[in-house]
Amino acid sequence: TAKADGVFLDAAVVYSGASTSTLSGINHLEGEIVDILNNGNVERGKTVIGGRVTLDVATTKAIVGLRYQTVIETTDLEAGARAGTGQSRPKKLSKVWLRLLRSLGGTVATGGEDRRDGEQNDLLYRTPENPMDASPPLFTGLIPLTLGAGWQRDAVIRIEHDEPLPLFVLGIVAELETNG
């Protein structure tokens, strides 16, 4: 599926037709704040008034709906230690690689929701080959992330995504140091 065709919004309405900067027929979202995938580009935080929403840029293909958040959180990663199991021993996550399939958007942090070491790190997709006036294409491959995580008992990776774009995580590889 092309990036502009993916429906990753709740209660979504799909528009395809003549160029327009106003989308109507979204009465079921009256008063709600919606996101829009406009010809494959994201427009966020528009309020539906009178069953209509006004776009920043005219569109021929749009998906309008409510944002939702996806959270992926690993269990405590285990890499073993010289003295046996790594469970309950201090661990340090220094680098993570995410294997993604046709994805855009998302953030990564170490630690779970209640024990996060730092802020979420944006997944970066743009390369010098991508024009600056357009959204980058969907990405397939490995994205490396260097994390500034300190020593912690639970080596947990937390991925968050709330954009009207796909995020398919096929695998997580971590560089993990275990004390003991």
Protein backbone atom coordinates (compact mmCIF):
# COMPACT_ATOMS: atom_id res chain seq x y z
CA THR A 1 0.00 0.00 0.00
CA ALA A 2 1.20 3.51 -0.79
CA LYS A 3 1.90 5.82 2.16
CA ALA A 4 -1.07 8.03 1.23
CA ASP A 5 -3.47 5.02 1.36
CA GLY A 6 -2.72 3.71 4.87
CA VAL A 7 -5.48 4.21 7.45
CA PHE A 8 -3.82 4.58 10.86
CA LEU A 9 -6.45 6.77 12.55
CA ASP A 10 -9.53 5.86 14.57
CA ALA A 11 -13.06 6.63 13.26
CA ALA A 12 -11.41 7.64 9.98
CA VAL A 13 -12.96 9.05 6.82
CA VAL A 14 -11.15 8.65 3.49
CA TYR A 15 -11.37 11.32 0.78
CA SER A 16 -10.23 10.87 -2.82
CA GLY A 17 -11.21 13.29 -5.57
CA ALA A 18 -10.74 16.80 -6.93
CA SER A 19 -8.26 19.12 -5.22
CA THR A 20 -9.81 20.75 -2.14
CA SER A 21 -8.67 22.49 1.03
CA THR A 22 -11.88 21.72 2.96
CA LEU A 23 -13.05 18.22 3.87
CA SER A 24 -16.67 17.69 4.86
CA GLY A 25 -18.90 14.77 5.87
CA ILE A 26 -17.12 14.17 9.16
CA ASN A 27 -20.06 15.01 11.43
CA HIS A 28 -19.34 12.01 13.67
CA LEU A 29 -16.15 13.80 14.80
CA GLU A 30 -17.84 17.16 15.50
CA GLY A 31 -15.81 19.19 18.03
CA GLU A 32 -13.01 16.63 18.06
CA ILE A 33 -9.34 17.35 17.37
CA VAL A 34 -8.27 15.22 14.41
CA ASP A 35 -5.13 14.39 12.45
CA ILE A 36 -4.99 14.16 8.68
CA LEU A 37 -2.83 12.19 6.28
CA ASN A 38 -2.88 14.63 3.35
CA ASN A 39 -1.43 13.07 0.16
CA GLY A 40 1.00 11.18 2.42
CA ASN A 41 1.92 14.21 4.55
CA VAL A 42 0.78 14.69 8.15
CA GLU A 43 -1.38 17.58 9.35
CA ARG A 44 -2.05 17.47 13.10
CA GLY A 45 -4.42 19.06 15.55
CA LYS A 46 -7.34 20.29 13.41
CA THR A 47 -10.76 20.82 15.04
CA VAL A 48 -13.89 19.58 13.24
CA ILE A 49 -16.48 22.37 13.10
CA GLY A 50 -19.80 21.92 11.31
CA GLY A 51 -18.70 18.49 10.09
CA ARG A 52 -15.79 20.10 8.20
CA VAL A 53 -12.08 20.64 8.61
CA THR A 54 -9.82 23.08 6.76
CA LEU A 55 -6.44 21.84 5.55
CA ASP A 56 -3.13 23.71 5.43
CA VAL A 57 -2.50 22.41 1.89
CA ALA A 58 -5.08 21.38 -0.73
CA THR A 59 -5.44 17.62 -1.19
CA THR A 60 -6.65 15.03 -3.67
CA LYS A 61 -6.36 12.13 -1.18
CA ALA A 62 -6.82 12.47 2.57
CA ILE A 63 -7.56 10.37 5.63
CA VAL A 64 -9.09 12.20 8.62
CA GLY A 65 -9.56 10.68 12.06
CA LEU A 66 -8.68 10.51 15.73
CA ARG A 67 -5.11 9.98 16.86
CA TYR A 68 -4.29 6.99 19.01
CA GLN A 69 -1.07 5.97 20.70
CA THR A 70 0.68 2.67 20.19
CA VAL A 71 3.14 1.56 22.87
CA ILE A 72 5.53 -1.38 22.57
CA GLU A 73 7.47 -2.21 25.71
CA THR A 74 9.84 -5.15 25.98
CA THR A 75 10.22 -7.28 29.05
CA ASP A 76 13.53 -7.07 30.91
CA LEU A 77 16.21 -7.98 28.35
CA GLU A 78 18.46 -10.88 29.33
CA ALA A 79 22.02 -11.24 28.07
CA GLY A 80 23.56 -13.33 30.83
CA ALA A 81 26.52 -12.42 33.01
CA ARG A 82 29.90 -13.94 33.91
CA ALA A 83 28.38 -15.26 37.13
CA GLY A 84 25.26 -16.70 35.47
CA THR A 85 21.92 -15.06 34.85
CA GLY A 86 21.62 -11.35 34.18
CA GLN A 87 18.23 -11.14 35.89
CA SER A 88 18.26 -8.65 38.78
CA ARG A 89 21.82 -7.51 37.94
CA PRO A 90 22.54 -3.94 36.85
CA LYS A 91 22.47 -3.58 33.06
CA LYS A 92 23.31 -0.82 30.63
CA LEU A 93 21.71 -0.43 27.18
CA SER A 94 24.05 1.58 24.98
CA LYS A 95 22.79 0.93 21.47
CA VAL A 96 19.57 -0.38 19.93
CA TRP A 97 18.75 -1.31 16.35
CA LEU A 98 15.13 -1.51 15.23
CA ARG A 99 14.30 -3.62 12.18
CA LEU A 100 11.35 -1.88 10.53
CA LEU A 101 9.10 -2.64 7.57
CA ARG A 102 7.59 0.23 5.51
CA SER A 103 7.48 2.59 8.50
CA LEU A 104 7.65 6.26 9.45
CA GLY A 105 7.46 8.06 12.79
CA GLY A 106 7.84 6.84 16.33
CA THR A 107 10.13 7.32 19.31
CA VAL A 108 12.30 5.06 21.49
CA ALA A 109 13.46 5.27 25.12
CA THR A 110 14.95 2.95 27.70
CA GLY A 111 13.08 2.05 30.84
CA GLY A 112 9.36 1.47 31.14
CA GLU A 113 6.61 4.03 31.57
CA ASP A 114 7.30 4.47 35.29
CA ARG A 115 11.09 4.20 35.19
CA ARG A 116 12.19 5.98 32.04
CA ASP A 117 15.85 7.08 31.99
CA GLY A 118 15.26 9.94 29.62
CA GLU A 119 13.11 11.42 26.93
CA GLN A 120 11.86 9.50 23.94
CA ASN A 121 14.34 9.67 21.02
CA ASP A 122 12.76 10.36 17.62
CA LEU A 123 13.29 7.75 14.92
CA LEU A 124 14.94 9.63 12.07
CA TYR A 125 14.28 8.55 8.49
CA ARG A 126 15.29 11.48 6.28
CA THR A 127 18.43 11.03 4.17
CA PRO A 128 20.26 13.61 2.02
CA GLU A 129 18.52 12.09 -1.02
CA ASN A 130 15.05 13.01 0.32
CA PRO A 131 13.70 16.41 -0.85
CA MET A 132 13.14 18.79 2.08
CA ASP A 133 9.68 19.85 0.85
CA ALA A 134 8.16 16.37 1.09
CA SER A 135 7.65 13.62 3.62
CA PRO A 136 10.33 10.90 3.36
CA PRO A 137 9.30 7.58 1.81
CA LEU A 138 8.34 4.60 3.95
CA PHE A 139 11.47 2.96 5.39
CA THR A 140 12.44 -0.71 5.46
CA GLY A 141 15.64 -1.77 7.19
CA LEU A 142 17.61 -1.24 10.40
CA ILE A 143 17.63 2.06 12.29
CA PRO A 144 20.48 2.40 14.82
CA LEU A 145 19.94 4.43 18.00
CA THR A 146 22.62 5.36 20.51
CA LEU A 147 20.99 5.71 23.90
CA GLY A 148 22.37 7.48 26.95
CA ALA A 149 20.91 4.97 29.38
CA GLY A 150 22.63 4.51 32.69
CA TRP A 151 22.87 1.38 34.78
CA GLN A 152 19.48 -0.03 35.76
CA ARG A 153 18.05 -3.30 37.08
CA ASP A 154 15.54 -3.64 34.24
CA ALA A 155 16.79 -3.25 30.67
CA VAL A 156 13.53 -2.26 28.99
CA ILE A 157 13.00 -0.63 25.59
CA ARG A 158 9.86 1.46 25.06
CA ILE A 159 8.65 2.41 21.57
CA GLU A 160 5.82 4.95 21.15
CA HIS A 161 3.96 6.03 18.01
CA ASP A 162 0.94 8.34 17.60
CA GLU A 163 1.12 9.54 14.00
CA PRO A 164 -1.21 8.62 11.11
CA LEU A 165 1.63 6.62 9.56
CA PRO A 166 2.62 2.95 9.70
CA LEU A 167 5.17 1.59 12.20
CA PHE A 168 5.89 -2.13 11.79
CA VAL A 169 8.61 -3.34 14.18
CA LEU A 170 9.97 -6.69 12.99
CA GLY A 171 12.78 -6.98 15.52
CA ILE A 172 14.79 -5.28 18.24
CA VAL A 173 18.53 -5.83 18.67
CA ALA A 174 20.24 -4.36 21.72
CA GLU A 175 23.85 -3.85 22.82
CA LEU A 176 23.63 -4.72 26.50
CA GLU A 177 26.30 -4.76 29.21
CA THR A 178 25.59 -6.74 32.38
CA ASN A 179 27.46 -6.12 35.65
CA GLY A 180 28.59 -9.29 37.42
